[in-house]
Amino acid sequence: MVEQRNCSFCGDNIEPGTGKMFVRKDGSVFYFCSTKCQNNFRLGRAPRRVSWTQAGRKAAGKE
């Protein structure tokens, strides 16, 4: 069985065989479902302040 991964930025499930893995020099691993998530992470945006992420919806009281 293939392991399910979650996007490190938006929190959505990543289908096996898709997405991108980013590893920092210190060894921390991040998984991204799309370039939209990857670019927002690289820009330093907090997921809780972006309305379309799971953390953003929770912070706004939608979920």
N, C-alpha and C. Protein backbone atom coordinates (compact mmCIF):
# COMPACT_ATOMS: atom_id res chain seq x y z
N MET A 1 0.84 -1.19 0.00
CA MET A 1 0.00 0.00 0.00
C MET A 1 0.88 1.24 0.00
N VAL A 2 0.53 2.19 -0.83
CA VAL A 2 1.29 3.42 -0.93
C VAL A 2 0.88 4.36 0.20
N GLU A 3 1.86 4.99 0.78
CA GLU A 3 1.61 5.88 1.91
C GLU A 3 0.94 7.18 1.45
N GLN A 4 -0.11 7.60 2.15
CA GLN A 4 -0.79 8.85 1.86
C GLN A 4 -0.01 10.00 2.49
N ARG A 5 0.14 11.07 1.77
CA ARG A 5 0.83 12.25 2.29
C ARG A 5 -0.12 13.44 2.25
N ASN A 6 0.13 14.39 3.13
CA ASN A 6 -0.63 15.63 3.17
C ASN A 6 0.27 16.79 2.75
N CYS A 7 -0.31 17.75 2.05
CA CYS A 7 0.43 18.93 1.63
C CYS A 7 0.85 19.72 2.88
N SER A 8 2.09 20.13 2.92
CA SER A 8 2.61 20.87 4.08
C SER A 8 2.03 22.27 4.17
N PHE A 9 1.48 22.79 3.08
CA PHE A 9 0.92 24.14 3.12
C PHE A 9 -0.59 24.14 3.28
N CYS A 10 -1.30 23.48 2.36
CA CYS A 10 -2.76 23.58 2.40
C CYS A 10 -3.42 22.46 3.18
N GLY A 11 -2.75 21.34 3.39
CA GLY A 11 -3.31 20.25 4.18
C GLY A 11 -4.10 19.23 3.39
N ASP A 12 -4.22 19.39 2.07
CA ASP A 12 -4.96 18.44 1.25
C ASP A 12 -4.16 17.15 1.07
N ASN A 13 -4.87 16.07 0.74
CA ASN A 13 -4.21 14.80 0.45
C ASN A 13 -3.50 14.90 -0.89
N ILE A 14 -2.35 14.23 -0.99
CA ILE A 14 -1.60 14.19 -2.23
C ILE A 14 -1.73 12.79 -2.80
N GLU A 15 -2.18 12.70 -4.04
CA GLU A 15 -2.32 11.41 -4.70
C GLU A 15 -0.94 10.80 -4.93
N PRO A 16 -0.83 9.47 -4.78
CA PRO A 16 0.46 8.82 -5.03
C PRO A 16 0.93 9.06 -6.47
N GLY A 17 2.19 9.40 -6.61
CA GLY A 17 2.77 9.67 -7.93
C GLY A 17 2.67 11.11 -8.36
N THR A 18 2.10 11.97 -7.52
CA THR A 18 1.99 13.39 -7.86
C THR A 18 2.62 14.22 -6.75
N GLY A 19 2.69 15.51 -6.96
CA GLY A 19 3.21 16.41 -5.93
C GLY A 19 4.72 16.54 -5.99
N LYS A 20 5.24 17.26 -5.02
CA LYS A 20 6.66 17.53 -4.98
C LYS A 20 7.15 17.48 -3.54
N MET A 21 8.35 16.95 -3.33
CA MET A 21 8.95 16.87 -2.01
C MET A 21 10.12 17.85 -1.96
N PHE A 22 10.17 18.65 -0.90
CA PHE A 22 11.24 19.63 -0.72
C PHE A 22 11.96 19.31 0.58
N VAL A 23 13.28 19.18 0.52
CA VAL A 23 14.08 18.85 1.70
C VAL A 23 15.05 20.00 1.95
N ARG A 24 14.99 20.56 3.15
CA ARG A 24 15.92 21.63 3.52
C ARG A 24 17.27 21.04 3.89
N LYS A 25 18.26 21.91 4.00
CA LYS A 25 19.61 21.47 4.37
C LYS A 25 19.66 20.85 5.76
N ASP A 26 18.73 21.28 6.65
CA ASP A 26 18.72 20.73 8.01
C ASP A 26 18.00 19.39 8.09
N GLY A 27 17.46 18.91 6.97
CA GLY A 27 16.82 17.60 6.93
C GLY A 27 15.31 17.63 7.07
N SER A 28 14.69 18.79 7.26
CA SER A 28 13.24 18.84 7.37
C SER A 28 12.62 18.65 5.98
N VAL A 29 11.53 17.89 5.93
CA VAL A 29 10.90 17.50 4.68
C VAL A 29 9.53 18.16 4.57
N PHE A 30 9.23 18.72 3.40
CA PHE A 30 7.94 19.34 3.11
C PHE A 30 7.39 18.72 1.84
N TYR A 31 6.08 18.47 1.82
CA TYR A 31 5.41 17.93 0.65
C TYR A 31 4.41 18.96 0.14
N PHE A 32 4.37 19.15 -1.18
CA PHE A 32 3.47 20.11 -1.79
C PHE A 32 2.64 19.44 -2.87
N CYS A 33 1.34 19.79 -2.91
CA CYS A 33 0.44 19.20 -3.89
C CYS A 33 0.49 19.96 -5.21
N SER A 34 0.89 21.23 -5.18
CA SER A 34 0.90 22.04 -6.39
C SER A 34 1.96 23.13 -6.28
N THR A 35 2.23 23.77 -7.41
CA THR A 35 3.19 24.88 -7.38
C THR A 35 2.59 26.09 -6.67
N LYS A 36 1.25 26.17 -6.64
CA LYS A 36 0.58 27.24 -5.90
C LYS A 36 0.97 27.17 -4.42
N CYS A 37 0.91 25.98 -3.85
CA CYS A 37 1.28 25.79 -2.45
C CYS A 37 2.77 25.99 -2.23
N GLN A 38 3.58 25.49 -3.15
CA GLN A 38 5.02 25.62 -3.03
C GLN A 38 5.46 27.08 -3.07
N ASN A 39 4.89 27.86 -3.97
CA ASN A 39 5.26 29.27 -4.09
C ASN A 39 4.79 30.08 -2.88
N ASN A 40 3.60 29.78 -2.36
CA ASN A 40 3.13 30.47 -1.17
C ASN A 40 4.01 30.16 0.03
N PHE A 41 4.46 28.92 0.16
CA PHE A 41 5.38 28.52 1.24
C PHE A 41 6.71 29.25 1.09
N ARG A 42 7.23 29.29 -0.13
CA ARG A 42 8.51 29.93 -0.39
C ARG A 42 8.46 31.44 -0.12
N LEU A 43 7.30 32.06 -0.34
CA LEU A 43 7.13 33.48 -0.06
C LEU A 43 7.00 33.78 1.42
N GLY A 44 6.88 32.74 2.24
CA GLY A 44 6.81 32.93 3.68
C GLY A 44 5.41 33.18 4.21
N ARG A 45 4.40 32.87 3.42
CA ARG A 45 3.03 33.09 3.85
C ARG A 45 2.61 32.03 4.86
N ALA A 46 1.83 32.45 5.84
CA ALA A 46 1.33 31.53 6.87
C ALA A 46 0.02 30.90 6.36
N PRO A 47 -0.11 29.58 6.40
CA PRO A 47 -1.33 28.93 5.89
C PRO A 47 -2.60 29.39 6.60
N ARG A 48 -2.52 29.77 7.86
CA ARG A 48 -3.72 30.20 8.58
C ARG A 48 -4.23 31.56 8.11
N ARG A 49 -3.42 32.32 7.39
CA ARG A 49 -3.84 33.62 6.87
C ARG A 49 -4.30 33.57 5.42
N VAL A 50 -4.25 32.38 4.81
CA VAL A 50 -4.70 32.21 3.43
C VAL A 50 -6.04 31.49 3.49
N SER A 51 -7.07 32.09 2.91
CA SER A 51 -8.44 31.63 3.12
C SER A 51 -8.75 30.25 2.53
N TRP A 52 -8.04 29.81 1.49
CA TRP A 52 -8.38 28.55 0.83
C TRP A 52 -7.70 27.33 1.45
N THR A 53 -6.85 27.49 2.45
CA THR A 53 -6.21 26.35 3.10
C THR A 53 -7.09 25.84 4.23
N GLN A 54 -6.81 24.61 4.67
CA GLN A 54 -7.57 24.04 5.78
C GLN A 54 -7.34 24.84 7.06
N ALA A 55 -6.11 25.27 7.29
CA ALA A 55 -5.81 26.07 8.48
C ALA A 55 -6.48 27.44 8.41
N GLY A 56 -6.57 28.01 7.21
CA GLY A 56 -7.23 29.29 7.03
C GLY A 56 -8.72 29.20 7.27
N ARG A 57 -9.34 28.12 6.81
CA ARG A 57 -10.78 27.93 7.03
C ARG A 57 -11.07 27.71 8.51
N LYS A 58 -10.18 26.99 9.19
CA LYS A 58 -10.37 26.75 10.62
C LYS A 58 -10.21 28.06 11.41
N ALA A 59 -9.23 28.88 11.03
CA ALA A 59 -9.00 30.14 11.71
C ALA A 59 -10.16 31.11 11.50
N ALA A 60 -10.83 31.02 10.35
CA ALA A 60 -11.95 31.90 10.06
C ALA A 60 -13.27 31.40 10.66
N GLY A 61 -13.24 30.19 11.23
CA GLY A 61 -14.43 29.64 11.84
C GLY A 61 -15.36 28.95 10.86
N LYS A 62 -14.86 28.60 9.68
CA LYS A 62 -15.68 27.94 8.66
C LYS A 62 -15.76 26.43 8.88
N GLU A 63 -14.78 25.85 9.54
CA GLU A 63 -14.77 24.40 9.79
C GLU A 63 -14.63 24.12 11.26
